[in-house]
C-alpha atoms as a PDB file:
ATOM      1  CA  MET A   1      83.528 -85.220 170.221  1.00  0.00           C
ATOM      2  CA  THR A   2      86.020 -83.380 172.431  1.00  0.00           C
ATOM      3  CA  LEU A   3      85.578 -82.841 176.162  1.00  0.00           C
ATOM      4  CA  THR A   4      84.878 -79.133 175.596  1.00  0.00           C
ATOM      5  CA  VAL A   5      82.091 -79.879 173.140  1.00  0.00           C
ATOM      6  CA  ALA A   6      80.640 -82.538 175.438  1.00  0.00           C
ATOM      7  CA  LEU A   7      80.599 -80.139 178.404  1.00  0.00           C
ATOM      8  CA  ALA A   8      78.943 -77.448 176.279  1.00  0.00           C
ATOM      9  CA  VAL A   9      76.196 -79.860 175.237  1.00  0.00           C
ATOM     10  CA  LEU A  10      75.678 -81.035 178.824  1.00  0.00           C
ATOM     11  CA  LEU A  11      75.367 -77.416 179.957  1.00  0.00           C
ATOM     12  CA  ALA A  12      72.823 -76.911 177.179  1.00  0.00           C
ATOM     13  CA  ALA A  13      70.916 -79.940 178.485  1.00  0.00           C
ATOM     14  CA  VAL A  14      70.654 -78.455 181.994  1.00  0.00           C
ATOM     15  CA  THR A  15      69.658 -75.069 180.607  1.00  0.00           C
ATOM     16  CA  HIS A  16      67.064 -76.569 178.270  1.00  0.00           C
ATOM     17  CA  ALA A  17      65.361 -78.644 180.959  1.00  0.00           C
ATOM     18  CA  SER A  18      65.248 -75.582 183.196  1.00  0.00           C
ATOM     19  CA  TRP A  19      63.440 -73.342 180.697  1.00  0.00           C
ATOM     20  CA  ASN A  20      61.009 -76.104 179.810  1.00  0.00           C
ATOM     21  CA  ALA A  21      60.179 -76.555 183.490  1.00  0.00           C
ATOM     22  CA  MET A  22      59.637 -72.807 183.808  1.00  0.00           C
ATOM     23  CA  ALA A  23      57.271 -72.896 180.841  1.00  0.00           C
ATOM     24  CA  HIS A  24      55.377 -75.848 182.298  1.00  0.00           C
ATOM     25  CA  THR A  25      54.787 -74.078 185.623  1.00  0.00           C
ATOM     26  CA  ILE A  26      52.850 -71.325 183.811  1.00  0.00           C
ATOM     27  CA  LYS A  27      49.445 -72.962 183.441  1.00  0.00           C
ATOM     28  CA  ASP A  28      48.366 -70.714 180.575  1.00  0.00           C
ATOM     29  CA  GLN A  29      50.695 -72.124 177.930  1.00  0.00           C
ATOM     30  CA  LEU A  30      49.902 -69.403 175.399  1.00  0.00           C
ATOM     31  CA  VAL A  31      51.104 -66.821 177.929  1.00  0.00           C
ATOM     32  CA  ALA A  32      54.227 -68.887 178.648  1.00  0.00           C
ATOM     33  CA  PHE A  33      55.284 -69.240 175.016  1.00  0.00           C
ATOM     34  CA  THR A  34      54.341 -65.659 174.194  1.00  0.00           C
ATOM     35  CA  LEU A  35      56.854 -64.494 176.785  1.00  0.00           C
ATOM     36  CA  ILE A  36      59.502 -66.986 175.684  1.00  0.00           C
ATOM     37  CA  GLY A  37      59.029 -66.261 171.983  1.00  0.00           C
ATOM     38  CA  GLY A  38      58.813 -62.498 172.410  1.00  0.00           C
ATOM     39  CA  GLY A  39      61.770 -62.413 174.775  1.00  0.00           C
ATOM     40  CA  GLY A  40      63.799 -64.538 172.373  1.00  0.00           C
ATOM     41  CA  THR A  41      63.030 -62.147 169.519  1.00  0.00           C
ATOM     42  CA  VAL A  42      64.202 -59.150 171.551  1.00  0.00           C
ATOM     43  CA  ILE A  43      67.393 -60.903 172.664  1.00  0.00           C
ATOM     44  CA  GLY A  44      68.042 -62.094 169.119  1.00  0.00           C
ATOM     45  CA  ALA A  45      67.569 -58.564 167.735  1.00  0.00           C
ATOM     46  CA  VAL A  46      70.091 -57.147 170.209  1.00  0.00           C
ATOM     47  CA  LEU A  47      72.584 -59.906 169.431  1.00  0.00           C
ATOM     48  CA  ALA A  48      72.099 -59.362 165.675  1.00  0.00           C
ATOM     49  CA  LEU A  49      73.371 -55.799 166.081  1.00  0.00           C
ATOM     50  CA  PHE A  50      76.784 -57.118 167.134  1.00  0.00           C
ATOM     51  CA  THR A  51      77.191 -60.164 164.894  1.00  0.00           C
ATOM     52  CA  PRO A  52      77.669 -60.590 161.128  1.00  0.00           C
ATOM     53  CA  LEU A  53      74.759 -61.596 158.924  1.00  0.00           C
ATOM     54  CA  PRO A  54      74.697 -65.315 158.160  1.00  0.00           C
ATOM     55  CA  ALA A  55      76.013 -66.205 154.711  1.00  0.00           C
ATOM     56  CA  SER A  56      73.454 -66.327 151.909  1.00  0.00           C
ATOM     57  CA  GLY A  57      73.558 -70.115 151.741  1.00  0.00           C
ATOM     58  CA  ALA A  58      72.254 -70.372 155.308  1.00  0.00           C
ATOM     59  CA  TRP A  59      69.017 -68.419 154.811  1.00  0.00           C
ATOM     60  CA  PRO A  60      66.901 -71.229 153.295  1.00  0.00           C
ATOM     61  CA  TYR A  61      67.816 -73.319 156.329  1.00  0.00           C
ATOM     62  CA  LEU A  62      67.031 -70.437 158.676  1.00  0.00           C
ATOM     63  CA  VAL A  63      63.542 -69.964 157.242  1.00  0.00           C
ATOM     64  CA  THR A  64      62.820 -73.697 157.242  1.00  0.00           C
ATOM     65  CA  SER A  65      64.124 -74.032 160.788  1.00  0.00           C
ATOM     66  CA  ALA A  66      62.001 -71.118 162.002  1.00  0.00           C
ATOM     67  CA  LEU A  67      58.862 -72.819 160.649  1.00  0.00           C
ATOM     68  CA  LEU A  68      59.864 -76.116 162.270  1.00  0.00           C
ATOM     69  CA  HIS A  69      60.551 -74.363 165.577  1.00  0.00           C
ATOM     70  CA  ILE A  70      57.104 -72.770 165.488  1.00  0.00           C
ATOM     71  CA  ALA A  71      55.554 -76.209 164.924  1.00  0.00           C
ATOM     72  CA  TYR A  72      57.689 -77.519 167.804  1.00  0.00           C
ATOM     73  CA  GLN A  73      56.477 -74.788 170.147  1.00  0.00           C
ATOM     74  CA  VAL A  74      52.827 -75.390 169.267  1.00  0.00           C
ATOM     75  CA  LEU A  75      53.200 -79.142 169.801  1.00  0.00           C
ATOM     76  CA  LEU A  76      55.119 -78.624 173.046  1.00  0.00           C
ATOM     77  CA  MET A  77      52.386 -76.303 174.325  1.00  0.00           C
ATOM     78  CA  ARG A  78      49.842 -78.963 173.475  1.00  0.00           C
ATOM     79  CA  SER A  79      51.712 -81.780 175.195  1.00  0.00           C
ATOM     80  CA  PHE A  80      52.383 -79.706 178.322  1.00  0.00           C
ATOM     81  CA  SER A  81      48.699 -78.766 178.543  1.00  0.00           C
ATOM     82  CA  LEU A  82      47.641 -82.423 178.292  1.00  0.00           C
ATOM     83  CA  GLY A  83      50.207 -84.269 180.422  1.00  0.00           C
ATOM     84  CA  ASP A  84      52.661 -84.109 183.313  1.00  0.00           C
ATOM     85  CA  PHE A  85      56.077 -82.553 182.751  1.00  0.00           C
ATOM     86  CA  GLY A  86      57.820 -85.717 183.969  1.00  0.00           C
ATOM     87  CA  GLN A  87      56.131 -87.756 181.220  1.00  0.00           C
ATOM     88  CA  MET A  88      55.809 -85.339 178.304  1.00  0.00           C
ATOM     89  CA  TYR A  89      59.337 -83.915 178.432  1.00  0.00           C
ATOM     90  CA  PRO A  90      61.110 -87.314 178.293  1.00  0.00           C
ATOM     91  CA  ILE A  91      58.932 -88.545 175.437  1.00  0.00           C
ATOM     92  CA  ALA A  92      59.342 -85.336 173.443  1.00  0.00           C
ATOM     93  CA  ARG A  93      63.114 -85.322 173.857  1.00  0.00           C
ATOM     94  CA  GLY A  94      63.663 -89.080 173.774  1.00  0.00           C
ATOM     95  CA  THR A  95      62.276 -89.699 170.301  1.00  0.00           C
ATOM     96  CA  ALA A  96      64.678 -87.274 168.635  1.00  0.00           C
ATOM     97  CA  PRO A  97      68.162 -88.926 168.731  1.00  0.00           C
ATOM     98  CA  LEU A  98      67.337 -92.000 166.667  1.00  0.00           C
ATOM     99  CA  VAL A  99      65.444 -89.924 164.121  1.00  0.00           C
ATOM    100  CA  VAL A 100      68.347 -87.460 163.913  1.00  0.00           C
ATOM    101  CA  THR A 101      70.741 -90.364 163.348  1.00  0.00           C
ATOM    102  CA  VAL A 102      68.689 -91.682 160.428  1.00  0.00           C
ATOM    103  CA  LEU A 103      68.204 -88.238 158.876  1.00  0.00           C
ATOM    104  CA  ALA A 104      71.882 -87.300 159.264  1.00  0.00           C
ATOM    105  CA  VAL A 105      72.987 -90.506 157.550  1.00  0.00           C
ATOM    106  CA  LEU A 106      70.379 -90.320 154.765  1.00  0.00           C
ATOM    107  CA  PHE A 107      70.425 -86.609 153.960  1.00  0.00           C
ATOM    108  CA  VAL A 108      73.615 -85.052 155.369  1.00  0.00           C
ATOM    109  CA  GLY A 109      76.034 -87.783 154.346  1.00  0.00           C
ATOM    110  CA  GLU A 110      77.344 -88.445 157.857  1.00  0.00           C
ATOM    111  CA  SER A 111      78.531 -91.901 158.823  1.00  0.00           C
ATOM    112  CA  LEU A 112      78.925 -93.392 162.276  1.00  0.00           C
ATOM    113  CA  ASN A 113      81.768 -95.572 163.449  1.00  0.00           C
ATOM    114  CA  ALA A 114      81.056 -98.553 165.690  1.00  0.00           C
ATOM    115  CA  TRP A 115      81.530 -96.648 168.974  1.00  0.00           C
ATOM    116  CA  GLN A 116      79.294 -93.780 167.902  1.00  0.00           C
ATOM    117  CA  ALA A 117      76.575 -96.093 166.619  1.00  0.00           C
ATOM    118  CA  ALA A 118      76.650 -98.121 169.834  1.00  0.00           C
ATOM    119  CA  GLY A 119      76.624 -94.962 171.954  1.00  0.00           C
ATOM    120  CA  VAL A 120      73.678 -93.432 170.136  1.00  0.00           C
ATOM    121  CA  ALA A 121      71.732 -96.712 170.287  1.00  0.00           C
ATOM    122  CA  VAL A 122      72.366 -97.308 173.990  1.00  0.00           C
ATOM    123  CA  ALA A 123      71.705 -93.687 174.953  1.00  0.00           C
ATOM    124  CA  SER A 124      68.494 -93.678 172.943  1.00  0.00           C
ATOM    125  CA  ALA A 125      67.378 -96.913 174.632  1.00  0.00           C
ATOM    126  CA  GLY A 126      67.941 -95.277 177.997  1.00  0.00           C
ATOM    127  CA  LEU A 127      66.001 -92.210 176.957  1.00  0.00           C
ATOM    128  CA  VAL A 128      63.067 -94.273 175.719  1.00  0.00           C
ATOM    129  CA  GLY A 129      63.194 -96.293 178.943  1.00  0.00           C
ATOM    130  CA  VAL A 130      62.929 -93.141 181.043  1.00  0.00           C
ATOM    131  CA  ALA A 131      59.896 -92.094 179.027  1.00  0.00           C
ATOM    132  CA  LEU A 132      58.055 -95.432 179.010  1.00  0.00           C
ATOM    133  CA  TRP A 133      58.768 -96.312 182.603  1.00  0.00           C
ATOM    134  CA  GLY A 134      57.672 -92.841 183.590  1.00  0.00           C
ATOM    135  CA  ILE A 135      54.212 -93.690 182.255  1.00  0.00           C
ATOM    136  CA  ARG A 136      54.119 -97.130 183.811  1.00  0.00           C
ATOM    137  CA  GLY A 137      55.351 -95.880 187.174  1.00  0.00           C
ATOM    138  CA  SER A 138      52.649 -93.226 187.366  1.00  0.00           C
ATOM    139  CA  GLY A 139      49.972 -95.858 187.910  1.00  0.00           C
ATOM    140  CA  ALA A 140      47.750 -94.209 185.313  1.00  0.00           C
ATOM    141  CA  ARG A 141      46.690 -95.368 181.870  1.00  0.00           C
ATOM    142  CA  PRO A 142      48.469 -93.600 179.018  1.00  0.00           C
ATOM    143  CA  HIS A 143      46.711 -90.491 177.760  1.00  0.00           C
ATOM    144  CA  TRP A 144      47.042 -91.048 174.035  1.00  0.00           C
ATOM    145  CA  PRO A 145      46.400 -87.474 172.829  1.00  0.00           C
ATOM    146  CA  ALA A 146      49.192 -86.310 175.136  1.00  0.00           C
ATOM    147  CA  LEU A 147      51.527 -89.082 173.964  1.00  0.00           C
ATOM    148  CA  VAL A 148      50.839 -88.307 170.305  1.00  0.00           C
ATOM    149  CA  ALA A 149      51.542 -84.605 170.893  1.00  0.00           C
ATOM    150  CA  ALA A 150      54.779 -85.413 172.716  1.00  0.00           C
ATOM    151  CA  GLY A 151      55.892 -87.854 170.023  1.00  0.00           C
ATOM    152  CA  ALA A 152      55.152 -85.319 167.286  1.00  0.00           C
ATOM    153  CA  THR A 153      57.168 -82.790 169.280  1.00  0.00           C
ATOM    154  CA  GLY A 154      60.100 -85.191 169.156  1.00  0.00           C
ATOM    155  CA  LEU A 155      59.817 -85.507 165.388  1.00  0.00           C
ATOM    156  CA  SER A 156      59.871 -81.731 165.017  1.00  0.00           C
ATOM    157  CA  ILE A 157      62.964 -81.605 167.245  1.00  0.00           C
ATOM    158  CA  ALA A 158      64.696 -84.131 165.021  1.00  0.00           C
ATOM    159  CA  ALA A 159      63.776 -82.196 161.881  1.00  0.00           C
ATOM    160  CA  TYR A 160      65.018 -78.809 163.063  1.00  0.00           C
ATOM    161  CA  THR A 161      68.157 -80.373 164.551  1.00  0.00           C
ATOM    162  CA  VAL A 162      69.224 -81.682 161.151  1.00  0.00           C
ATOM    163  CA  VAL A 163      68.212 -78.486 159.319  1.00  0.00           C
ATOM    164  CA  ASP A 164      70.120 -76.314 161.794  1.00  0.00           C
ATOM    165  CA  GLY A 165      73.098 -78.640 161.792  1.00  0.00           C
ATOM    166  CA  VAL A 166      73.504 -78.005 158.067  1.00  0.00           C
ATOM    167  CA  GLY A 167      72.468 -74.341 158.205  1.00  0.00           C
ATOM    168  CA  VAL A 168      74.815 -73.264 160.965  1.00  0.00           C
ATOM    169  CA  ARG A 169      77.762 -74.836 159.143  1.00  0.00           C
ATOM    170  CA  ALA A 170      76.830 -72.818 156.034  1.00  0.00           C
ATOM    171  CA  SER A 171      76.351 -69.564 157.964  1.00  0.00           C
ATOM    172  CA  ASP A 172      79.992 -68.755 158.837  1.00  0.00           C
ATOM    173  CA  THR A 173      78.667 -67.248 162.096  1.00  0.00           C
ATOM    174  CA  PRO A 174      76.985 -69.461 164.717  1.00  0.00           C
ATOM    175  CA  LEU A 175      76.074 -66.385 166.811  1.00  0.00           C
ATOM    176  CA  GLY A 176      74.549 -64.632 163.818  1.00  0.00           C
ATOM    177  CA  TYR A 177      72.621 -67.784 162.939  1.00  0.00           C
ATOM    178  CA  ILE A 178      71.106 -68.172 166.421  1.00  0.00           C
ATOM    179  CA  ALA A 179      70.276 -64.446 166.562  1.00  0.00           C
ATOM    180  CA  TRP A 180      68.286 -64.502 163.333  1.00  0.00           C
ATOM    181  CA  LEU A 181      66.686 -67.827 164.183  1.00  0.00           C
ATOM    182  CA  MET A 182      65.369 -66.322 167.419  1.00  0.00           C
ATOM    183  CA  ILE A 183      64.074 -63.290 165.550  1.00  0.00           C
ATOM    184  CA  LEU A 184      62.267 -65.347 162.920  1.00  0.00           C
ATOM    185  CA  GLU A 185      60.788 -68.032 165.142  1.00  0.00           C
ATOM    186  CA  GLY A 186      59.800 -65.813 168.058  1.00  0.00           C
ATOM    187  CA  LEU A 187      57.271 -63.525 166.385  1.00  0.00           C
ATOM    188  CA  LEU A 188      54.371 -65.753 165.361  1.00  0.00           C
ATOM    189  CA  ILE A 189      53.098 -66.977 168.728  1.00  0.00           C
ATOM    190  CA  PRO A 190      53.132 -63.478 170.334  1.00  0.00           C
ATOM    191  CA  LEU A 191      51.260 -62.120 167.303  1.00  0.00           C
ATOM    192  CA  TYR A 192      48.736 -64.949 167.559  1.00  0.00           C
ATOM    193  CA  ALA A 193      48.331 -64.307 171.291  1.00  0.00           C
ATOM    194  CA  LEU A 194      47.764 -60.609 170.621  1.00  0.00           C
ATOM    195  CA  TYR A 195      45.066 -61.508 168.084  1.00  0.00           C
ATOM    196  CA  ARG A 196      43.352 -63.956 170.463  1.00  0.00           C
ATOM    197  CA  ARG A 197      43.645 -62.057 173.741  1.00  0.00           C
ATOM    198  CA  ARG A 198      43.745 -58.469 172.422  1.00  0.00           C
ATOM    199  CA  GLY A 199      43.605 -55.898 175.233  1.00  0.00           C
ATOM    200  CA  ALA A 200      43.707 -58.529 177.971  1.00  0.00           C
ATOM    201  CA  LEU A 201      47.100 -59.889 176.938  1.00  0.00           C
ATOM    202  CA  VAL A 202      49.331 -57.405 178.770  1.00  0.00           C
ATOM    203  CA  ALA A 203      47.553 -58.003 182.072  1.00  0.00           C
ATOM    204  CA  GLN A 204      47.851 -61.766 181.577  1.00  0.00           C
ATOM    205  CA  LEU A 205      51.565 -61.535 180.811  1.00  0.00           C
ATOM    206  CA  ARG A 206      52.522 -59.266 183.691  1.00  0.00           C
ATOM    207  CA  PRO A 207      52.455 -61.818 186.583  1.00  0.00           C
ATOM    208  CA  TYR A 208      54.763 -64.168 184.682  1.00  0.00           C
ATOM    209  CA  ALA A 209      57.014 -61.653 182.928  1.00  0.00           C
ATOM    210  CA  VAL A 210      60.211 -62.325 184.890  1.00  0.00           C
ATOM    211  CA  ARG A 211      59.842 -66.095 184.725  1.00  0.00           C
ATOM    212  CA  GLY A 212      58.972 -66.062 181.035  1.00  0.00           C
ATOM    213  CA  LEU A 213      61.757 -63.710 179.991  1.00  0.00           C
ATOM    214  CA  LEU A 214      64.295 -65.702 182.013  1.00  0.00           C
ATOM    215  CA  GLY A 215      63.020 -68.783 180.182  1.00  0.00           C
ATOM    216  CA  ALA A 216      63.616 -66.985 176.880  1.00  0.00           C
ATOM    217  CA  ALA A 217      67.229 -66.212 177.819  1.00  0.00           C
ATOM    218  CA  LEU A 218      67.832 -69.804 178.934  1.00  0.00           C
ATOM    219  CA  SER A 219      66.239 -71.116 175.740  1.00  0.00           C
ATOM    220  CA  MET A 220      68.524 -69.022 173.573  1.00  0.00           C
ATOM    221  CA  ALA A 221      71.618 -69.968 175.578  1.00  0.00           C
ATOM    222  CA  ALA A 222      70.740 -73.666 175.419  1.00  0.00           C
ATOM    223  CA  TYR A 223      70.252 -73.791 171.680  1.00  0.00           C
ATOM    224  CA  GLY A 224      73.184 -71.496 170.986  1.00  0.00           C
ATOM    225  CA  LEU A 225      75.457 -73.970 172.751  1.00  0.00           C
ATOM    226  CA  VAL A 226      73.989 -76.833 170.715  1.00  0.00           C
ATOM    227  CA  LEU A 227      74.452 -74.987 167.421  1.00  0.00           C
ATOM    228  CA  TRP A 228      78.064 -74.248 168.287  1.00  0.00           C
ATOM    229  CA  ALA A 229      78.595 -77.921 169.165  1.00  0.00           C
ATOM    230  CA  GLN A 230      77.127 -78.954 165.810  1.00  0.00           C
ATOM    231  CA  THR A 231      79.918 -77.054 164.071  1.00  0.00           C
ATOM    232  CA  ARG A 232      82.468 -79.103 166.008  1.00  0.00           C
ATOM    233  CA  ALA A 233      81.014 -82.637 166.082  1.00  0.00           C
ATOM    234  CA  PRO A 234      78.662 -84.941 164.103  1.00  0.00           C
ATOM    235  CA  LEU A 235      74.930 -84.295 164.494  1.00  0.00           C
ATOM    236  CA  ALA A 236      73.797 -87.642 165.900  1.00  0.00           C
ATOM    237  CA  PRO A 237      76.088 -87.834 168.975  1.00  0.00           C
ATOM    238  CA  VAL A 238      75.397 -84.166 169.782  1.00  0.00           C
ATOM    239  CA  ALA A 239      71.655 -84.821 169.545  1.00  0.00           C
ATOM    240  CA  ALA A 240      71.825 -87.884 171.786  1.00  0.00           C
ATOM    241  CA  LEU A 241      74.050 -86.215 174.374  1.00  0.00           C
ATOM    242  CA  ARG A 242      71.788 -83.156 174.443  1.00  0.00           C
ATOM    243  CA  GLU A 243      68.874 -85.376 175.403  1.00  0.00           C
ATOM    244  CA  SER A 244      70.530 -86.090 178.735  1.00  0.00           C
ATOM    245  CA  SER A 245      68.333 -83.123 179.656  1.00  0.00           C
ATOM    246  CA  ILE A 246      65.700 -85.801 180.292  1.00  0.00           C
ATOM    247  CA  ILE A 247      67.551 -86.775 183.466  1.00  0.00           C
ATOM    248  CA  VAL A 248      67.685 -83.141 184.530  1.00  0.00           C
ATOM    249  CA  GLY A 249      63.983 -82.836 183.732  1.00  0.00           C
ATOM    250  CA  ALA A 250      63.199 -85.905 185.832  1.00  0.00           C
ATOM    251  CA  ALA A 251      65.168 -84.420 188.739  1.00  0.00           C
ATOM    252  CA  ILE A 252      63.328 -81.103 188.401  1.00  0.00           C
ATOM    253  CA  GLY A 253      60.010 -82.953 188.319  1.00  0.00           C
ATOM    254  CA  THR A 254      60.926 -84.846 191.480  1.00  0.00           C
ATOM    255  CA  LEU A 255      62.456 -82.002 193.503  1.00  0.00           C
ATOM    256  CA  PHE A 256      60.309 -79.046 192.474  1.00  0.00           C
ATOM    257  CA  LEU A 257      57.140 -80.375 190.839  1.00  0.00           C
ATOM    258  CA  LYS A 258      56.682 -83.291 193.274  1.00  0.00           C
ATOM    259  CA  GLU A 259      56.553 -85.918 190.535  1.00  0.00           C
ATOM    260  CA  ARG A 260      57.746 -89.473 191.088  1.00  0.00           C
ATOM    261  CA  PHE A 261      61.148 -90.545 189.741  1.00  0.00           C
ATOM    262  CA  GLY A 262      61.134 -94.221 190.726  1.00  0.00           C
ATOM    263  CA  GLY A 263      63.526 -97.159 190.449  1.00  0.00           C
ATOM    264  CA  PRO A 264      62.883 -98.001 186.773  1.00  0.00           C
ATOM    265  CA  ARG A 265      63.794 -94.483 185.748  1.00  0.00           C
ATOM    266  CA  ILE A 266      67.046 -94.771 187.715  1.00  0.00           C
ATOM    267  CA  VAL A 267      67.894 -97.930 185.728  1.00  0.00           C
ATOM    268  CA  ALA A 268      67.065 -96.159 182.468  1.00  0.00           C
ATOM    269  CA  ALA A 269      69.198 -93.198 183.538  1.00  0.00           C
ATOM    270  CA  GLY A 270      72.096 -95.588 184.098  1.00  0.00           C
ATOM    271  CA  VAL A 271      71.672 -96.956 180.580  1.00  0.00           C
ATOM    272  CA  LEU A 272      71.765 -93.387 179.287  1.00  0.00           C
ATOM    273  CA  VAL A 273      75.033 -92.708 181.123  1.00  0.00           C
ATOM    274  CA  VAL A 274      76.577 -95.815 179.549  1.00  0.00           C
ATOM    275  CA  GLY A 275      75.532 -94.575 176.118  1.00  0.00           C
ATOM    276  CA  ILE A 276      77.041 -91.157 176.785  1.00  0.00           C
ATOM    277  CA  GLY A 277      80.273 -92.829 177.844  1.00  0.00           C
ATOM    278  CA  LEU A 278      80.395 -94.759 174.579  1.00  0.00           C
ATOM    279  CA  MET A 279      79.856 -91.583 172.558  1.00  0.00           C
ATOM    280  CA  LEU A 280      82.649 -89.787 174.413  1.00  0.00           C
ATOM    281  CA  ARG A 281      84.913 -92.816 173.940  1.00  0.00           C
ATOM    282  CA  ALA A 282      84.263 -92.450 170.207  1.00  0.00           C
ATOM    283  CA  GLY A 283      85.734 -88.935 170.258  1.00  0.00           C
END
């Protein structure tokens, strides 16, 4: 992993945590993800006008990824509606790197050298520590439906990460791939919201339009950077480094959402930084 790729993934981490925080601040999660999905579809359609079509071999991955992204959005909506951002976001993101590592080795044929394996393991331990200590530090008993939703969100993240890692390499156009992915994945939730809310939907969207559409742009930028990075580096280290967004999410929760960070999370964050250093040393 080169320094340029690492910086791109870190920028994606900041951008990703920011749009998730924006989505969480909109209490009506169906409204939030309608704006993000619809905005992403519009942005993707505009981008598709100026980029080549993905190669034919990428389309099965695109369709599969779109379905996985829809499942991810539904699960993320559920977890955000049940729990605090500072708990749900770390758990959702923190479960993905180890799963991605296993899937990439089993199904993509990637292998990890000693530095990469150590970096992924240490970074993942730090991520899990941030998540678990976030629950303990809150002083509240775990809310199991919320934890299950967040964990399932992490599994969906791992699944689409591997699918997109293979698909974008087969597409011959990372920009074209992200454009069509946004088009395909962004339609279902707005259509569902229109069915459920009917004539009331526009009025419900209006107060949050700017925030939601900005979240859509940040979402597309974040994942576009990750897809580009996956064409330049192995999937597992990219996935683990991307999840440094947990630290950004914890900072956002502390500074803007008034959620507690706490000493244990600081220790876990330090473990994460060590893991990132090992992954970069591997490159």
